[in-house]
N, C-alpha and C. Protein backbone atom coordinates (compact mmCIF):
# COMPACT_ATOMS: atom_id res chain seq x y z
N MET A 1 -36.02 1.09 -13.16
CA MET A 1 -35.05 2.03 -12.61
C MET A 1 -33.68 1.67 -13.16
N GLY A 2 -32.97 2.64 -13.70
CA GLY A 2 -31.66 2.42 -14.28
C GLY A 2 -30.55 2.91 -13.37
N LYS A 3 -29.35 2.79 -13.89
CA LYS A 3 -28.15 3.23 -13.17
C LYS A 3 -27.45 4.30 -13.99
N ALA A 4 -26.70 5.14 -13.29
CA ALA A 4 -25.90 6.18 -13.95
C ALA A 4 -24.51 6.16 -13.34
N MET A 5 -23.51 6.46 -14.17
CA MET A 5 -22.12 6.61 -13.71
C MET A 5 -21.82 8.09 -13.68
N VAL A 6 -21.45 8.58 -12.51
CA VAL A 6 -21.10 9.99 -12.32
C VAL A 6 -19.63 10.05 -11.97
N VAL A 7 -18.88 10.92 -12.65
CA VAL A 7 -17.45 11.05 -12.41
C VAL A 7 -17.19 12.31 -11.59
N TYR A 8 -16.39 12.12 -10.53
CA TYR A 8 -16.00 13.23 -9.66
C TYR A 8 -14.51 13.47 -9.82
N LYS A 9 -14.11 14.71 -9.93
CA LYS A 9 -12.70 15.09 -10.00
C LYS A 9 -12.29 15.56 -8.62
N ILE A 10 -11.29 14.88 -8.04
CA ILE A 10 -10.83 15.21 -6.70
C ILE A 10 -9.42 15.78 -6.81
N TYR A 11 -9.25 17.01 -6.36
CA TYR A 11 -7.97 17.71 -6.42
C TYR A 11 -7.30 17.61 -5.04
N PRO A 12 -6.17 16.93 -4.96
CA PRO A 12 -5.47 16.85 -3.66
C PRO A 12 -4.91 18.21 -3.26
N GLU A 13 -4.87 18.45 -1.96
CA GLU A 13 -4.23 19.68 -1.49
C GLU A 13 -2.73 19.46 -1.44
N ASP A 14 -1.98 20.53 -1.31
CA ASP A 14 -0.53 20.44 -1.22
C ASP A 14 -0.15 19.51 -0.08
N GLY A 15 0.78 18.62 -0.33
CA GLY A 15 1.24 17.69 0.68
C GLY A 15 0.48 16.37 0.70
N THR A 16 -0.55 16.24 -0.13
CA THR A 16 -1.31 15.00 -0.23
C THR A 16 -1.18 14.48 -1.66
N SER A 17 -0.88 13.20 -1.80
CA SER A 17 -0.73 12.63 -3.14
C SER A 17 -2.06 12.07 -3.63
N ALA A 18 -2.15 11.91 -4.94
CA ALA A 18 -3.34 11.31 -5.54
C ALA A 18 -3.54 9.88 -5.02
N LYS A 19 -2.44 9.17 -4.78
CA LYS A 19 -2.54 7.80 -4.26
C LYS A 19 -3.17 7.79 -2.87
N GLU A 20 -2.84 8.76 -2.04
CA GLU A 20 -3.44 8.84 -0.70
C GLU A 20 -4.95 9.06 -0.80
N ILE A 21 -5.36 9.87 -1.75
CA ILE A 21 -6.80 10.09 -1.97
C ILE A 21 -7.45 8.79 -2.43
N MET A 22 -6.82 8.10 -3.39
CA MET A 22 -7.38 6.86 -3.92
C MET A 22 -7.52 5.80 -2.83
N ASP A 23 -6.57 5.74 -1.91
CA ASP A 23 -6.64 4.77 -0.82
C ASP A 23 -7.85 5.00 0.08
N GLN A 24 -8.32 6.23 0.17
CA GLN A 24 -9.46 6.55 1.02
C GLN A 24 -10.81 6.24 0.36
N LEU A 25 -10.81 6.06 -0.95
CA LEU A 25 -12.07 5.86 -1.66
C LEU A 25 -12.72 4.51 -1.37
N ASP A 26 -11.97 3.57 -0.81
CA ASP A 26 -12.52 2.25 -0.49
C ASP A 26 -13.67 2.34 0.52
N GLN A 27 -13.70 3.36 1.33
CA GLN A 27 -14.72 3.49 2.36
C GLN A 27 -16.05 4.05 1.83
N ILE A 28 -16.11 4.37 0.55
CA ILE A 28 -17.34 4.92 -0.04
C ILE A 28 -17.93 3.89 -0.99
N LYS A 29 -19.07 3.33 -0.62
CA LYS A 29 -19.62 2.16 -1.33
C LYS A 29 -20.03 2.45 -2.77
N ASP A 30 -20.41 3.68 -3.08
CA ASP A 30 -20.87 3.98 -4.44
C ASP A 30 -19.72 4.12 -5.44
N ILE A 31 -18.50 4.32 -4.97
CA ILE A 31 -17.35 4.49 -5.87
C ILE A 31 -16.95 3.13 -6.43
N LYS A 32 -16.99 2.99 -7.73
CA LYS A 32 -16.69 1.72 -8.39
C LYS A 32 -15.38 1.74 -9.15
N SER A 33 -14.85 2.92 -9.46
CA SER A 33 -13.58 3.01 -10.17
C SER A 33 -12.88 4.31 -9.80
N ALA A 34 -11.56 4.28 -9.89
CA ALA A 34 -10.78 5.48 -9.62
C ALA A 34 -9.47 5.39 -10.39
N LYS A 35 -9.02 6.53 -10.89
CA LYS A 35 -7.73 6.56 -11.58
C LYS A 35 -7.10 7.93 -11.39
N LYS A 36 -5.77 7.92 -11.42
CA LYS A 36 -5.02 9.17 -11.36
C LYS A 36 -4.93 9.72 -12.78
N GLU A 37 -4.99 11.03 -12.88
CA GLU A 37 -4.86 11.67 -14.19
C GLU A 37 -3.95 12.89 -14.06
N PRO A 38 -2.89 12.94 -14.87
CA PRO A 38 -2.01 14.11 -14.81
C PRO A 38 -2.73 15.34 -15.35
N VAL A 39 -2.48 16.47 -14.68
CA VAL A 39 -3.10 17.72 -15.10
C VAL A 39 -2.05 18.64 -15.70
N ALA A 40 -1.01 18.96 -14.91
CA ALA A 40 0.05 19.83 -15.40
C ALA A 40 1.23 19.82 -14.45
N PHE A 41 2.43 19.81 -15.00
CA PHE A 41 3.66 19.98 -14.24
C PHE A 41 3.73 19.09 -12.99
N GLY A 42 3.40 17.82 -13.16
CA GLY A 42 3.49 16.88 -12.04
C GLY A 42 2.26 16.83 -11.15
N LEU A 43 1.30 17.70 -11.37
CA LEU A 43 0.07 17.69 -10.59
C LEU A 43 -0.85 16.61 -11.11
N GLU A 44 -1.37 15.79 -10.20
CA GLU A 44 -2.32 14.74 -10.56
C GLU A 44 -3.62 14.94 -9.80
N ILE A 45 -4.72 14.62 -10.45
CA ILE A 45 -6.01 14.60 -9.79
C ILE A 45 -6.50 13.16 -9.80
N VAL A 46 -7.56 12.90 -9.04
CA VAL A 46 -8.18 11.58 -9.03
C VAL A 46 -9.55 11.73 -9.67
N LYS A 47 -9.84 10.87 -10.63
CA LYS A 47 -11.18 10.79 -11.20
C LYS A 47 -11.82 9.54 -10.62
N ALA A 48 -12.92 9.74 -9.90
CA ALA A 48 -13.61 8.63 -9.24
C ALA A 48 -15.00 8.48 -9.85
N GLY A 49 -15.34 7.26 -10.25
CA GLY A 49 -16.64 6.99 -10.85
C GLY A 49 -17.57 6.34 -9.84
N ALA A 50 -18.75 6.94 -9.67
CA ALA A 50 -19.75 6.41 -8.75
C ALA A 50 -20.92 5.87 -9.55
N LEU A 51 -21.35 4.67 -9.21
CA LEU A 51 -22.51 4.05 -9.84
C LEU A 51 -23.70 4.28 -8.91
N ILE A 52 -24.66 5.06 -9.38
CA ILE A 52 -25.82 5.41 -8.55
C ILE A 52 -27.11 5.09 -9.30
N ASP A 53 -28.18 5.00 -8.56
CA ASP A 53 -29.49 4.83 -9.19
C ASP A 53 -29.81 6.08 -9.99
N ARG A 54 -30.48 5.88 -11.09
CA ARG A 54 -30.80 6.99 -11.99
C ARG A 54 -31.57 8.11 -11.29
N ASP A 55 -32.41 7.75 -10.35
CA ASP A 55 -33.23 8.74 -9.65
C ASP A 55 -32.53 9.31 -8.41
N ASP A 56 -31.35 8.80 -8.10
CA ASP A 56 -30.61 9.27 -6.93
C ASP A 56 -29.98 10.63 -7.22
N ASN A 57 -29.68 11.37 -6.18
CA ASN A 57 -29.09 12.69 -6.32
C ASN A 57 -27.57 12.57 -6.27
N PRO A 58 -26.85 12.94 -7.34
CA PRO A 58 -25.39 12.86 -7.33
C PRO A 58 -24.74 13.74 -6.26
N ASP A 59 -25.45 14.76 -5.80
CA ASP A 59 -24.92 15.62 -4.75
C ASP A 59 -24.75 14.85 -3.44
N ARG A 60 -25.54 13.79 -3.25
CA ARG A 60 -25.42 12.97 -2.05
C ARG A 60 -24.04 12.32 -1.99
N VAL A 61 -23.58 11.79 -3.13
CA VAL A 61 -22.26 11.15 -3.19
C VAL A 61 -21.17 12.20 -3.01
N GLN A 62 -21.32 13.36 -3.60
CA GLN A 62 -20.32 14.41 -3.44
C GLN A 62 -20.21 14.82 -1.98
N LYS A 63 -21.33 14.94 -1.31
CA LYS A 63 -21.31 15.30 0.11
C LYS A 63 -20.60 14.22 0.93
N GLU A 64 -20.85 12.96 0.59
CA GLU A 64 -20.17 11.86 1.28
C GLU A 64 -18.66 11.90 1.04
N LEU A 65 -18.25 12.19 -0.19
CA LEU A 65 -16.83 12.35 -0.50
C LEU A 65 -16.22 13.47 0.35
N GLU A 66 -16.90 14.59 0.41
CA GLU A 66 -16.39 15.74 1.17
C GLU A 66 -16.27 15.44 2.65
N GLU A 67 -17.17 14.59 3.18
CA GLU A 67 -17.14 14.26 4.60
C GLU A 67 -16.07 13.21 4.93
N LYS A 68 -15.84 12.25 4.04
CA LYS A 68 -14.99 11.11 4.36
C LYS A 68 -13.56 11.22 3.85
N ILE A 69 -13.32 12.02 2.82
CA ILE A 69 -11.98 12.12 2.24
C ILE A 69 -11.22 13.24 2.95
N LYS A 70 -9.99 12.95 3.32
CA LYS A 70 -9.12 13.93 3.96
C LYS A 70 -8.01 14.32 2.98
N GLY A 71 -7.61 15.58 3.00
CA GLY A 71 -6.49 16.03 2.19
C GLY A 71 -6.85 16.45 0.77
N TYR A 72 -8.10 16.82 0.54
CA TYR A 72 -8.47 17.31 -0.78
C TYR A 72 -8.63 18.83 -0.74
N ARG A 73 -8.40 19.45 -1.87
CA ARG A 73 -8.58 20.89 -2.01
C ARG A 73 -9.95 21.21 -2.59
N ASN A 74 -10.38 20.40 -3.57
CA ASN A 74 -11.64 20.65 -4.24
C ASN A 74 -12.18 19.34 -4.83
N ILE A 75 -13.49 19.22 -4.86
CA ILE A 75 -14.15 18.08 -5.51
C ILE A 75 -15.18 18.65 -6.47
N GLU A 76 -15.06 18.26 -7.74
CA GLU A 76 -15.99 18.73 -8.77
C GLU A 76 -16.78 17.54 -9.31
N GLN A 77 -18.05 17.77 -9.52
CA GLN A 77 -18.87 16.76 -10.17
C GLN A 77 -18.71 16.94 -11.67
N GLY A 78 -18.31 15.87 -12.35
CA GLY A 78 -18.07 15.95 -13.78
C GLY A 78 -19.20 15.34 -14.58
N GLU A 79 -18.82 14.64 -15.63
CA GLU A 79 -19.80 14.08 -16.55
C GLU A 79 -20.58 12.93 -15.91
N ALA A 80 -21.79 12.73 -16.42
CA ALA A 80 -22.65 11.63 -15.97
C ALA A 80 -23.13 10.88 -17.22
N THR A 81 -23.19 9.55 -17.11
CA THR A 81 -23.59 8.71 -18.22
C THR A 81 -24.64 7.72 -17.75
N LEU A 82 -25.72 7.61 -18.49
CA LEU A 82 -26.75 6.62 -18.18
C LEU A 82 -26.24 5.25 -18.59
N ILE A 83 -26.25 4.30 -17.66
CA ILE A 83 -25.73 2.95 -17.92
C ILE A 83 -26.86 2.04 -18.39
N SER A 84 -27.97 2.03 -17.68
CA SER A 84 -29.08 1.17 -18.09
C SER A 84 -30.39 1.78 -17.66
């Protein structure tokens, strides 16, 4: 059984900063990395990388993000890479 890295793009809602979103990611065990990325005109999103089992469903992590993160407008599942 291998591992995969799945990247989620988290868009903060108005009035919430990318840093506030990043501070909340500590409560999600599958998230192993996070970084702010500028999008346009001062808008930043958070790209969060989750390390999951290859046979695991990435939608499970997205659902957990949606339940535990406050102040987001949208969460998109991005690219996935097989690690091992």
